[in-house]
mmCIF file of all heavy atoms, coordinates in Angstrom:
data_MODEL
# 
_entry.id   MODEL 
# 
loop_
_atom_site.group_PDB 
_atom_site.id 
_atom_site.type_symbol 
_atom_site.label_atom_id 
_atom_site.label_alt_id 
_atom_site.label_comp_id 
_atom_site.label_asym_id 
_atom_site.label_entity_id 
_atom_site.label_seq_id 
_atom_site.pdbx_PDB_ins_code 
_atom_site.Cartn_x 
_atom_site.Cartn_y 
_atom_site.Cartn_z 
_atom_site.occupancy 
_atom_site.B_iso_or_equiv 
_atom_site.pdbx_formal_charge 
_atom_site.auth_seq_id 
_atom_site.auth_comp_id 
_atom_site.auth_asym_id 
_atom_site.auth_atom_id 
_atom_site.pdbx_PDB_model_num 
ATOM 1   N N   . LEU A 1 1  ? 4.902   8.254   -4.864  1.00 0.00 ? 1  LEU A N   1 
ATOM 2   C CA  . LEU A 1 1  ? 6.253   8.381   -4.140  1.00 0.00 ? 1  LEU A CA  1 
ATOM 3   C C   . LEU A 1 1  ? 7.251   7.387   -4.828  1.00 0.00 ? 1  LEU A C   1 
ATOM 4   O O   . LEU A 1 1  ? 8.391   7.759   -4.980  1.00 0.00 ? 1  LEU A O   1 
ATOM 5   C CB  . LEU A 1 1  ? 6.077   8.000   -2.647  1.00 0.00 ? 1  LEU A CB  1 
ATOM 6   C CG  . LEU A 1 1  ? 5.342   9.146   -1.853  1.00 0.00 ? 1  LEU A CG  1 
ATOM 7   C CD1 . LEU A 1 1  ? 5.051   8.639   -0.462  1.00 0.00 ? 1  LEU A CD1 1 
ATOM 8   C CD2 . LEU A 1 1  ? 6.069   10.430  -1.935  1.00 0.00 ? 1  LEU A CD2 1 
ATOM 9   N N   . LYS A 1 2  ? 6.709   6.198   -5.246  1.00 0.00 ? 2  LYS A N   1 
ATOM 10  C CA  . LYS A 1 2  ? 7.592   5.330   -5.931  1.00 0.00 ? 2  LYS A CA  1 
ATOM 11  C C   . LYS A 1 2  ? 8.067   5.988   -7.279  1.00 0.00 ? 2  LYS A C   1 
ATOM 12  O O   . LYS A 1 2  ? 9.260   5.740   -7.568  1.00 0.00 ? 2  LYS A O   1 
ATOM 13  C CB  . LYS A 1 2  ? 6.826   3.908   -6.101  1.00 0.00 ? 2  LYS A CB  1 
ATOM 14  C CG  . LYS A 1 2  ? 7.821   2.941   -6.639  1.00 0.00 ? 2  LYS A CG  1 
ATOM 15  C CD  . LYS A 1 2  ? 8.698   2.464   -5.652  1.00 0.00 ? 2  LYS A CD  1 
ATOM 16  C CE  . LYS A 1 2  ? 9.631   1.279   -6.052  1.00 0.00 ? 2  LYS A CE  1 
ATOM 17  N NZ  . LYS A 1 2  ? 10.766  1.094   -5.283  1.00 0.00 ? 2  LYS A NZ  1 
ATOM 18  N N   . ALA A 1 3  ? 7.119   6.623   -7.920  1.00 0.00 ? 3  ALA A N   1 
ATOM 19  C CA  . ALA A 1 3  ? 7.537   7.246   -9.240  1.00 0.00 ? 3  ALA A CA  1 
ATOM 20  C C   . ALA A 1 3  ? 8.542   8.352   -9.017  1.00 0.00 ? 3  ALA A C   1 
ATOM 21  O O   . ALA A 1 3  ? 9.419   8.665   -9.832  1.00 0.00 ? 3  ALA A O   1 
ATOM 22  C CB  . ALA A 1 3  ? 6.307   7.718   -10.018 1.00 0.00 ? 3  ALA A CB  1 
ATOM 23  N N   . THR A 1 4  ? 8.206   9.097   -7.947  1.00 0.00 ? 4  THR A N   1 
ATOM 24  C CA  . THR A 1 4  ? 9.115   10.315  -7.625  1.00 0.00 ? 4  THR A CA  1 
ATOM 25  C C   . THR A 1 4  ? 10.508  9.915   -7.060  1.00 0.00 ? 4  THR A C   1 
ATOM 26  O O   . THR A 1 4  ? 11.486  10.563  -7.320  1.00 0.00 ? 4  THR A O   1 
ATOM 27  C CB  . THR A 1 4  ? 8.400   11.269  -6.643  1.00 0.00 ? 4  THR A CB  1 
ATOM 28  O OG1 . THR A 1 4  ? 7.116   11.566  -7.215  1.00 0.00 ? 4  THR A OG1 1 
ATOM 29  C CG2 . THR A 1 4  ? 9.114   12.501  -6.373  1.00 0.00 ? 4  THR A CG2 1 
ATOM 30  N N   . LEU A 1 5  ? 10.452  8.932   -6.229  1.00 0.00 ? 5  LEU A N   1 
ATOM 31  C CA  . LEU A 1 5  ? 11.786  8.497   -5.467  1.00 0.00 ? 5  LEU A CA  1 
ATOM 32  C C   . LEU A 1 5  ? 11.982  6.942   -5.844  1.00 0.00 ? 5  LEU A C   1 
ATOM 33  O O   . LEU A 1 5  ? 11.863  6.111   -4.763  1.00 0.00 ? 5  LEU A O   1 
ATOM 34  C CB  . LEU A 1 5  ? 11.678  8.769   -4.051  1.00 0.00 ? 5  LEU A CB  1 
ATOM 35  C CG  . LEU A 1 5  ? 11.542  10.333  -3.676  1.00 0.00 ? 5  LEU A CG  1 
ATOM 36  C CD1 . LEU A 1 5  ? 10.923  10.487  -2.297  1.00 0.00 ? 5  LEU A CD1 1 
ATOM 37  C CD2 . LEU A 1 5  ? 12.899  10.961  -3.862  1.00 0.00 ? 5  LEU A CD2 1 
ATOM 38  N N   . PRO A 1 6  ? 12.274  6.590   -6.953  1.00 0.00 ? 6  PRO A N   1 
ATOM 39  C CA  . PRO A 1 6  ? 12.240  5.189   -7.338  1.00 0.00 ? 6  PRO A CA  1 
ATOM 40  C C   . PRO A 1 6  ? 13.248  4.279   -6.582  1.00 0.00 ? 6  PRO A C   1 
ATOM 41  O O   . PRO A 1 6  ? 13.188  3.125   -6.379  1.00 0.00 ? 6  PRO A O   1 
ATOM 42  C CB  . PRO A 1 6  ? 12.564  5.100   -8.808  1.00 0.00 ? 6  PRO A CB  1 
ATOM 43  C CG  . PRO A 1 6  ? 13.141  6.391   -9.116  1.00 0.00 ? 6  PRO A CG  1 
ATOM 44  C CD  . PRO A 1 6  ? 12.625  7.379   -8.135  1.00 0.00 ? 6  PRO A CD  1 
ATOM 45  N N   . GLU A 1 7  ? 14.262  4.881   -6.058  1.00 0.00 ? 7  GLU A N   1 
ATOM 46  C CA  . GLU A 1 7  ? 15.354  4.155   -5.371  1.00 0.00 ? 7  GLU A CA  1 
ATOM 47  C C   . GLU A 1 7  ? 15.172  4.168   -3.913  1.00 0.00 ? 7  GLU A C   1 
ATOM 48  O O   . GLU A 1 7  ? 15.944  3.553   -3.097  1.00 0.00 ? 7  GLU A O   1 
ATOM 49  C CB  . GLU A 1 7  ? 16.695  4.725   -5.777  1.00 0.00 ? 7  GLU A CB  1 
ATOM 50  C CG  . GLU A 1 7  ? 17.184  4.497   -7.195  1.00 0.00 ? 7  GLU A CG  1 
ATOM 51  C CD  . GLU A 1 7  ? 17.046  3.052   -7.538  1.00 0.00 ? 7  GLU A CD  1 
ATOM 52  O OE1 . GLU A 1 7  ? 17.526  2.094   -6.886  1.00 0.00 ? 7  GLU A OE1 1 
ATOM 53  O OE2 . GLU A 1 7  ? 16.437  2.714   -8.788  1.00 0.00 ? 7  GLU A OE2 1 
ATOM 54  N N   . VAL A 1 8  ? 14.249  4.893   -3.369  1.00 0.00 ? 8  VAL A N   1 
ATOM 55  C CA  . VAL A 1 8  ? 13.819  4.953   -2.040  1.00 0.00 ? 8  VAL A CA  1 
ATOM 56  C C   . VAL A 1 8  ? 12.901  3.759   -1.644  1.00 0.00 ? 8  VAL A C   1 
ATOM 57  O O   . VAL A 1 8  ? 11.815  3.655   -2.218  1.00 0.00 ? 8  VAL A O   1 
ATOM 58  C CB  . VAL A 1 8  ? 13.320  6.280   -1.505  1.00 0.00 ? 8  VAL A CB  1 
ATOM 59  C CG1 . VAL A 1 8  ? 12.766  6.113   -0.003  1.00 0.00 ? 8  VAL A CG1 1 
ATOM 60  C CG2 . VAL A 1 8  ? 14.272  7.270   -1.739  1.00 0.00 ? 8  VAL A CG2 1 
ATOM 61  N N   . PRO A 1 9  ? 13.187  2.911   -0.723  1.00 0.00 ? 9  PRO A N   1 
ATOM 62  C CA  . PRO A 1 9  ? 12.258  1.786   -0.290  1.00 0.00 ? 9  PRO A CA  1 
ATOM 63  C C   . PRO A 1 9  ? 10.975  2.356   0.139   1.00 0.00 ? 9  PRO A C   1 
ATOM 64  O O   . PRO A 1 9  ? 10.981  3.200   1.146   1.00 0.00 ? 9  PRO A O   1 
ATOM 65  C CB  . PRO A 1 9  ? 12.896  1.015   0.668   1.00 0.00 ? 9  PRO A CB  1 
ATOM 66  C CG  . PRO A 1 9  ? 14.429  1.228   0.472   1.00 0.00 ? 9  PRO A CG  1 
ATOM 67  C CD  . PRO A 1 9  ? 14.455  2.709   0.064   1.00 0.00 ? 9  PRO A CD  1 
ATOM 68  N N   . ILE A 1 10 ? 9.870   1.965   -0.443  1.00 0.00 ? 10 ILE A N   1 
ATOM 69  C CA  . ILE A 1 10 ? 8.570   2.410   0.024   1.00 0.00 ? 10 ILE A CA  1 
ATOM 70  C C   . ILE A 1 10 ? 7.836   1.227   0.733   1.00 0.00 ? 10 ILE A C   1 
ATOM 71  O O   . ILE A 1 10 ? 7.765   0.126   0.000   1.00 0.00 ? 10 ILE A O   1 
ATOM 72  C CB  . ILE A 1 10 ? 7.647   2.913   -1.265  1.00 0.00 ? 10 ILE A CB  1 
ATOM 73  C CG1 . ILE A 1 10 ? 8.491   3.927   -2.060  1.00 0.00 ? 10 ILE A CG1 1 
ATOM 74  C CG2 . ILE A 1 10 ? 6.302   3.495   -0.719  1.00 0.00 ? 10 ILE A CG2 1 
ATOM 75  C CD1 . ILE A 1 10 ? 8.553   5.260   -1.451  1.00 0.00 ? 10 ILE A CD1 1 
ATOM 76  N N   . TYR A 1 11 ? 7.411   1.458   1.944   1.00 0.00 ? 11 TYR A N   1 
ATOM 77  C CA  . TYR A 1 11 ? 6.675   0.399   2.601   1.00 0.00 ? 11 TYR A CA  1 
ATOM 78  C C   . TYR A 1 11 ? 5.223   0.779   2.876   1.00 0.00 ? 11 TYR A C   1 
ATOM 79  O O   . TYR A 1 11 ? 4.965   1.949   3.125   1.00 0.00 ? 11 TYR A O   1 
ATOM 80  C CB  . TYR A 1 11 ? 7.357   0.074   3.990   1.00 0.00 ? 11 TYR A CB  1 
ATOM 81  C CG  . TYR A 1 11 ? 8.729   -0.392  3.901   1.00 0.00 ? 11 TYR A CG  1 
ATOM 82  C CD1 . TYR A 1 11 ? 9.801   0.450   3.756   1.00 0.00 ? 11 TYR A CD1 1 
ATOM 83  C CD2 . TYR A 1 11 ? 8.993   -1.721  3.877   1.00 0.00 ? 11 TYR A CD2 1 
ATOM 84  C CE1 . TYR A 1 11 ? 11.125  -0.065  3.677   1.00 0.00 ? 11 TYR A CE1 1 
ATOM 85  C CE2 . TYR A 1 11 ? 10.334  -2.277  3.805   1.00 0.00 ? 11 TYR A CE2 1 
ATOM 86  C CZ  . TYR A 1 11 ? 11.406  -1.424  3.671   1.00 0.00 ? 11 TYR A CZ  1 
ATOM 87  O OH  . TYR A 1 11 ? 12.587  -1.907  3.655   1.00 0.00 ? 11 TYR A OH  1 
ATOM 88  N N   . VAL A 1 12 ? 4.327   -0.176  2.894   1.00 0.00 ? 12 VAL A N   1 
ATOM 89  C CA  . VAL A 1 12 ? 2.998   -0.015  3.345   1.00 0.00 ? 12 VAL A CA  1 
ATOM 90  C C   . VAL A 1 12 ? 2.774   -1.035  4.428   1.00 0.00 ? 12 VAL A C   1 
ATOM 91  O O   . VAL A 1 12 ? 2.899   -2.263  4.326   1.00 0.00 ? 12 VAL A O   1 
ATOM 92  C CB  . VAL A 1 12 ? 1.935   -0.172  2.295   1.00 0.00 ? 12 VAL A CB  1 
ATOM 93  C CG1 . VAL A 1 12 ? 0.500   -0.070  2.827   1.00 0.00 ? 12 VAL A CG1 1 
ATOM 94  C CG2 . VAL A 1 12 ? 2.088   0.997   1.239   1.00 0.00 ? 12 VAL A CG2 1 
ATOM 95  N N   . ASP A 1 13 ? 2.395   -0.512  5.640   1.00 0.00 ? 13 ASP A N   1 
ATOM 96  C CA  . ASP A 1 13 ? 2.177   -1.487  6.777   1.00 0.00 ? 13 ASP A CA  1 
ATOM 97  C C   . ASP A 1 13 ? 0.724   -1.869  6.833   1.00 0.00 ? 13 ASP A C   1 
ATOM 98  O O   . ASP A 1 13 ? -0.158  -1.040  7.211   1.00 0.00 ? 13 ASP A O   1 
ATOM 99  C CB  . ASP A 1 13 ? 2.442   -0.732  8.099   1.00 0.00 ? 13 ASP A CB  1 
ATOM 100 C CG  . ASP A 1 13 ? 2.841   -1.715  9.232   1.00 0.00 ? 13 ASP A CG  1 
ATOM 101 O OD1 . ASP A 1 13 ? 2.299   -2.847  9.213   1.00 0.00 ? 13 ASP A OD1 1 
ATOM 102 O OD2 . ASP A 1 13 ? 3.673   -1.411  10.063  1.00 0.00 ? 13 ASP A OD2 1 
ATOM 103 N N   . ALA A 1 14 ? 0.455   -3.007  6.217   1.00 0.00 ? 14 ALA A N   1 
ATOM 104 C CA  . ALA A 1 14 ? -1.013  -3.422  6.136   1.00 0.00 ? 14 ALA A CA  1 
ATOM 105 C C   . ALA A 1 14 ? -1.868  -3.449  7.201   1.00 0.00 ? 14 ALA A C   1 
ATOM 106 O O   . ALA A 1 14 ? -3.036  -3.267  7.200   1.00 0.00 ? 14 ALA A O   1 
ATOM 107 C CB  . ALA A 1 14 ? -0.905  -4.846  5.461   1.00 0.00 ? 14 ALA A CB  1 
ATOM 108 N N   . ALA A 1 15 ? -1.352  -3.782  8.450   1.00 0.00 ? 15 ALA A N   1 
ATOM 109 C CA  . ALA A 1 15 ? -2.055  -3.843  9.544   1.00 0.00 ? 15 ALA A CA  1 
ATOM 110 C C   . ALA A 1 15 ? -2.484  -2.425  10.076  1.00 0.00 ? 15 ALA A C   1 
ATOM 111 O O   . ALA A 1 15 ? -3.315  -2.329  10.969  1.00 0.00 ? 15 ALA A O   1 
ATOM 112 C CB  . ALA A 1 15 ? -1.332  -4.599  10.638  1.00 0.00 ? 15 ALA A CB  1 
ATOM 113 N N   . TYR A 1 16 ? -1.973  -1.483  9.557   1.00 0.00 ? 16 TYR A N   1 
ATOM 114 C CA  . TYR A 1 16 ? -2.230  -0.064  9.947   1.00 0.00 ? 16 TYR A CA  1 
ATOM 115 C C   . TYR A 1 16 ? -2.890  0.625   8.845   1.00 0.00 ? 16 TYR A C   1 
ATOM 116 O O   . TYR A 1 16 ? -2.886  1.947   8.853   1.00 0.00 ? 16 TYR A O   1 
ATOM 117 C CB  . TYR A 1 16 ? -0.912  0.605   10.370  1.00 0.00 ? 16 TYR A CB  1 
ATOM 118 C CG  . TYR A 1 16 ? -0.077  -0.069  11.431  1.00 0.00 ? 16 TYR A CG  1 
ATOM 119 C CD1 . TYR A 1 16 ? 0.522   -1.167  11.275  1.00 0.00 ? 16 TYR A CD1 1 
ATOM 120 C CD2 . TYR A 1 16 ? -0.192  0.584   12.757  1.00 0.00 ? 16 TYR A CD2 1 
ATOM 121 C CE1 . TYR A 1 16 ? 1.321   -1.751  12.340  1.00 0.00 ? 16 TYR A CE1 1 
ATOM 122 C CE2 . TYR A 1 16 ? 0.475   -0.020  13.867  1.00 0.00 ? 16 TYR A CE2 1 
ATOM 123 C CZ  . TYR A 1 16 ? 1.222   -1.174  13.649  1.00 0.00 ? 16 TYR A CZ  1 
ATOM 124 O OH  . TYR A 1 16 ? 1.864   -1.808  14.735  1.00 0.00 ? 16 TYR A OH  1 
ATOM 125 N N   . CYS A 1 17 ? -3.617  -0.066  7.999   1.00 0.00 ? 17 CYS A N   1 
ATOM 126 C CA  . CYS A 1 17 ? -4.382  0.464   6.930   1.00 0.00 ? 17 CYS A CA  1 
ATOM 127 C C   . CYS A 1 17 ? -5.668  -0.193  6.908   1.00 0.00 ? 17 CYS A C   1 
ATOM 128 O O   . CYS A 1 17 ? -5.830  -1.271  7.379   1.00 0.00 ? 17 CYS A O   1 
ATOM 129 C CB  . CYS A 1 17 ? -3.642  0.214   5.617   1.00 0.00 ? 17 CYS A CB  1 
ATOM 130 S SG  . CYS A 1 17 ? -2.051  1.064   5.357   1.00 0.00 ? 17 CYS A SG  1 
ATOM 131 N N   . ALA A 1 18 ? -6.673  0.492   6.361   1.00 0.00 ? 18 ALA A N   1 
ATOM 132 C CA  . ALA A 1 18 ? -7.956  -0.107  6.146   1.00 0.00 ? 18 ALA A CA  1 
ATOM 133 C C   . ALA A 1 18 ? -8.489  0.378   4.708   1.00 0.00 ? 18 ALA A C   1 
ATOM 134 O O   . ALA A 1 18 ? -8.265  1.627   4.395   1.00 0.00 ? 18 ALA A O   1 
ATOM 135 C CB  . ALA A 1 18 ? -8.993  0.146   7.214   1.00 0.00 ? 18 ALA A CB  1 
ATOM 136 N N   . GLY A 1 19 ? -9.180  -0.399  4.081   1.00 0.00 ? 19 GLY A N   1 
ATOM 137 C CA  . GLY A 1 19 ? -9.803  -0.090  2.738   1.00 0.00 ? 19 GLY A CA  1 
ATOM 138 C C   . GLY A 1 19 ? -11.194 0.257   2.856   1.00 0.00 ? 19 GLY A C   1 
ATOM 139 O O   . GLY A 1 19 ? -11.927 0.004   3.959   1.00 0.00 ? 19 GLY A O   1 
ATOM 140 N N   . VAL A 1 20 ? -11.845 0.454   1.689   1.00 0.00 ? 20 VAL A N   1 
ATOM 141 C CA  . VAL A 1 20 ? -13.264 0.598   1.705   1.00 0.00 ? 20 VAL A CA  1 
ATOM 142 C C   . VAL A 1 20 ? -13.929 -0.613  2.160   1.00 0.00 ? 20 VAL A C   1 
ATOM 143 O O   . VAL A 1 20 ? -15.037 -0.640  2.805   1.00 0.00 ? 20 VAL A O   1 
ATOM 144 C CB  . VAL A 1 20 ? -13.728 1.064   0.237   1.00 0.00 ? 20 VAL A CB  1 
ATOM 145 C CG1 . VAL A 1 20 ? -15.239 1.141   0.177   1.00 0.00 ? 20 VAL A CG1 1 
ATOM 146 C CG2 . VAL A 1 20 ? -13.125 2.427   -0.121  1.00 0.00 ? 20 VAL A CG2 1 
ATOM 147 N N   . THR A 1 21 ? -13.411 -1.804  1.678   1.00 0.00 ? 21 THR A N   1 
ATOM 148 C CA  . THR A 1 21 ? -13.785 -3.218  2.029   1.00 0.00 ? 21 THR A CA  1 
ATOM 149 C C   . THR A 1 21 ? -12.510 -3.980  2.367   1.00 0.00 ? 21 THR A C   1 
ATOM 150 O O   . THR A 1 21 ? -11.468 -3.635  1.796   1.00 0.00 ? 21 THR A O   1 
ATOM 151 C CB  . THR A 1 21 ? -14.659 -3.895  0.940   1.00 0.00 ? 21 THR A CB  1 
ATOM 152 O OG1 . THR A 1 21 ? -13.785 -4.137  -0.194  1.00 0.00 ? 21 THR A OG1 1 
ATOM 153 C CG2 . THR A 1 21 ? -15.873 -2.961  0.436   1.00 0.00 ? 21 THR A CG2 1 
ATOM 154 N N   . PRO A 1 22 ? -12.657 -5.096  3.118   1.00 0.00 ? 22 PRO A N   1 
ATOM 155 C CA  . PRO A 1 22 ? -11.532 -5.849  3.363   1.00 0.00 ? 22 PRO A CA  1 
ATOM 156 C C   . PRO A 1 22 ? -10.958 -6.477  1.946   1.00 0.00 ? 22 PRO A C   1 
ATOM 157 O O   . PRO A 1 22 ? -9.759  -6.518  1.722   1.00 0.00 ? 22 PRO A O   1 
ATOM 158 C CB  . PRO A 1 22 ? -12.079 -7.058  4.188   1.00 0.00 ? 22 PRO A CB  1 
ATOM 159 C CG  . PRO A 1 22 ? -13.158 -6.367  4.994   1.00 0.00 ? 22 PRO A CG  1 
ATOM 160 C CD  . PRO A 1 22 ? -13.877 -5.395  3.980   1.00 0.00 ? 22 PRO A CD  1 
ATOM 161 N N   . GLU A 1 23 ? -11.947 -6.686  0.932   1.00 0.00 ? 23 GLU A N   1 
ATOM 162 C CA  . GLU A 1 23 ? -11.469 -7.184  -0.261  1.00 0.00 ? 23 GLU A CA  1 
ATOM 163 C C   . GLU A 1 23 ? -10.697 -6.218  -1.127  1.00 0.00 ? 23 GLU A C   1 
ATOM 164 O O   . GLU A 1 23 ? -9.612  -6.456  -1.702  1.00 0.00 ? 23 GLU A O   1 
ATOM 165 C CB  . GLU A 1 23 ? -12.582 -7.781  -1.164  1.00 0.00 ? 23 GLU A CB  1 
ATOM 166 C CG  . GLU A 1 23 ? -13.424 -8.916  -0.476  1.00 0.00 ? 23 GLU A CG  1 
ATOM 167 C CD  . GLU A 1 23 ? -14.349 -8.490  0.739   1.00 0.00 ? 23 GLU A CD  1 
ATOM 168 O OE1 . GLU A 1 23 ? -14.703 -7.350  0.800   1.00 0.00 ? 23 GLU A OE1 1 
ATOM 169 O OE2 . GLU A 1 23 ? -14.720 -9.412  1.494   1.00 0.00 ? 23 GLU A OE2 1 
ATOM 170 N N   . SER A 1 24 ? -11.218 -5.010  -1.115  1.00 0.00 ? 24 SER A N   1 
ATOM 171 C CA  . SER A 1 24 ? -10.467 -3.989  -1.885  1.00 0.00 ? 24 SER A CA  1 
ATOM 172 C C   . SER A 1 24 ? -9.059  -3.576  -1.213  1.00 0.00 ? 24 SER A C   1 
ATOM 173 O O   . SER A 1 24 ? -8.170  -3.219  -1.938  1.00 0.00 ? 24 SER A O   1 
ATOM 174 C CB  . SER A 1 24 ? -11.374 -2.746  -2.059  1.00 0.00 ? 24 SER A CB  1 
ATOM 175 O OG  . SER A 1 24 ? -11.761 -2.107  -0.881  1.00 0.00 ? 24 SER A OG  1 
ATOM 176 N N   . HIS A 1 25 ? -9.041  -3.648  0.160   1.00 0.00 ? 25 HIS A N   1 
ATOM 177 C CA  . HIS A 1 25 ? -7.789  -3.474  0.834   1.00 0.00 ? 25 HIS A CA  1 
ATOM 178 C C   . HIS A 1 25 ? -6.827  -4.534  0.365   1.00 0.00 ? 25 HIS A C   1 
ATOM 179 O O   . HIS A 1 25 ? -5.645  -4.144  -0.062  1.00 0.00 ? 25 HIS A O   1 
ATOM 180 C CB  . HIS A 1 25 ? -8.133  -3.622  2.450   1.00 0.00 ? 25 HIS A CB  1 
ATOM 181 C CG  . HIS A 1 25 ? -7.004  -3.807  3.178   1.00 0.00 ? 25 HIS A CG  1 
ATOM 182 N ND1 . HIS A 1 25 ? -6.145  -2.803  3.610   1.00 0.00 ? 25 HIS A ND1 1 
ATOM 183 C CD2 . HIS A 1 25 ? -6.259  -4.856  3.819   1.00 0.00 ? 25 HIS A CD2 1 
ATOM 184 C CE1 . HIS A 1 25 ? -5.189  -3.152  4.403   1.00 0.00 ? 25 HIS A CE1 1 
ATOM 185 N NE2 . HIS A 1 25 ? -5.341  -4.594  4.662   1.00 0.00 ? 25 HIS A NE2 1 
ATOM 186 N N   . GLU A 1 26 ? -7.128  -5.748  0.386   1.00 0.00 ? 26 GLU A N   1 
ATOM 187 C CA  . GLU A 1 26 ? -6.280  -6.779  -0.107  1.00 0.00 ? 26 GLU A CA  1 
ATOM 188 C C   . GLU A 1 26 ? -5.885  -6.719  -1.592  1.00 0.00 ? 26 GLU A C   1 
ATOM 189 O O   . GLU A 1 26 ? -4.707  -6.882  -1.905  1.00 0.00 ? 26 GLU A O   1 
ATOM 190 C CB  . GLU A 1 26 ? -6.835  -8.207  0.083   1.00 0.00 ? 26 GLU A CB  1 
ATOM 191 C CG  . GLU A 1 26 ? -5.900  -9.318  -0.140  1.00 0.00 ? 26 GLU A CG  1 
ATOM 192 C CD  . GLU A 1 26 ? -4.677  -9.322  0.737   1.00 0.00 ? 26 GLU A CD  1 
ATOM 193 O OE1 . GLU A 1 26 ? -4.684  -8.953  1.850   1.00 0.00 ? 26 GLU A OE1 1 
ATOM 194 O OE2 . GLU A 1 26 ? -3.690  -9.695  0.192   1.00 0.00 ? 26 GLU A OE2 1 
ATOM 195 N N   . ASN A 1 27 ? -6.812  -6.313  -2.363  1.00 0.00 ? 27 ASN A N   1 
ATOM 196 C CA  . ASN A 1 27 ? -6.461  -6.061  -3.787  1.00 0.00 ? 27 ASN A CA  1 
ATOM 197 C C   . ASN A 1 27 ? -5.492  -4.968  -4.000  1.00 0.00 ? 27 ASN A C   1 
ATOM 198 O O   . ASN A 1 27 ? -4.486  -5.047  -4.831  1.00 0.00 ? 27 ASN A O   1 
ATOM 199 C CB  . ASN A 1 27 ? -7.721  -5.710  -4.640  1.00 0.00 ? 27 ASN A CB  1 
ATOM 200 C CG  . ASN A 1 27 ? -8.626  -6.894  -4.858  1.00 0.00 ? 27 ASN A CG  1 
ATOM 201 O OD1 . ASN A 1 27 ? -8.155  -8.045  -4.785  1.00 0.00 ? 27 ASN A OD1 1 
ATOM 202 N ND2 . ASN A 1 27 ? -9.995  -6.690  -5.143  1.00 0.00 ? 27 ASN A ND2 1 
ATOM 203 N N   . ALA A 1 28 ? -5.632  -3.937  -3.226  1.00 0.00 ? 28 ALA A N   1 
ATOM 204 C CA  . ALA A 1 28 ? -4.577  -2.744  -3.184  1.00 0.00 ? 28 ALA A CA  1 
ATOM 205 C C   . ALA A 1 28 ? -3.225  -3.127  -2.819  1.00 0.00 ? 28 ALA A C   1 
ATOM 206 O O   . ALA A 1 28 ? -2.217  -2.743  -3.366  1.00 0.00 ? 28 ALA A O   1 
ATOM 207 C CB  . ALA A 1 28 ? -5.120  -1.589  -2.463  1.00 0.00 ? 28 ALA A CB  1 
ATOM 208 N N   . LEU A 1 29 ? -3.199  -3.947  -1.720  1.00 0.00 ? 29 LEU A N   1 
ATOM 209 C CA  . LEU A 1 29 ? -1.935  -4.408  -1.328  1.00 0.00 ? 29 LEU A CA  1 
ATOM 210 C C   . LEU A 1 29 ? -1.098  -5.282  -2.375  1.00 0.00 ? 29 LEU A C   1 
ATOM 211 O O   . LEU A 1 29 ? -0.064  -5.102  -2.673  1.00 0.00 ? 29 LEU A O   1 
ATOM 212 C CB  . LEU A 1 29 ? -2.103  -5.282  0.032   1.00 0.00 ? 29 LEU A CB  1 
ATOM 213 C CG  . LEU A 1 29 ? -2.682  -4.574  1.235   1.00 0.00 ? 29 LEU A CG  1 
ATOM 214 C CD1 . LEU A 1 29 ? -2.914  -5.436  2.381   1.00 0.00 ? 29 LEU A CD1 1 
ATOM 215 C CD2 . LEU A 1 29 ? -1.802  -3.417  1.709   1.00 0.00 ? 29 LEU A CD2 1 
ATOM 216 N N   . LYS A 1 30 ? -2.045  -6.118  -3.020  1.00 0.00 ? 30 LYS A N   1 
ATOM 217 C CA  . LYS A 1 30 ? -1.376  -6.988  -4.124  1.00 0.00 ? 30 LYS A CA  1 
ATOM 218 C C   . LYS A 1 30 ? -0.915  -6.098  -5.289  1.00 0.00 ? 30 LYS A C   1 
ATOM 219 O O   . LYS A 1 30 ? 0.158   -6.350  -5.842  1.00 0.00 ? 30 LYS A O   1 
ATOM 220 C CB  . LYS A 1 30 ? -2.417  -8.087  -4.620  1.00 0.00 ? 30 LYS A CB  1 
ATOM 221 C CG  . LYS A 1 30 ? -2.593  -9.114  -3.547  1.00 0.00 ? 30 LYS A CG  1 
ATOM 222 C CD  . LYS A 1 30 ? -3.660  -10.210 -4.069  1.00 0.00 ? 30 LYS A CD  1 
ATOM 223 C CE  . LYS A 1 30 ? -3.897  -11.146 -2.951  1.00 0.00 ? 30 LYS A CE  1 
ATOM 224 N NZ  . LYS A 1 30 ? -5.074  -12.034 -3.480  1.00 0.00 ? 30 LYS A NZ  1 
# 
């Protein structure tokens, strides 16, 4: 979405996501 719409603000709400592991979740957020 960032590549397709580069001027539209893209947000990820971290508290409403979960990863395969907590560590991989945090790595993806970074």
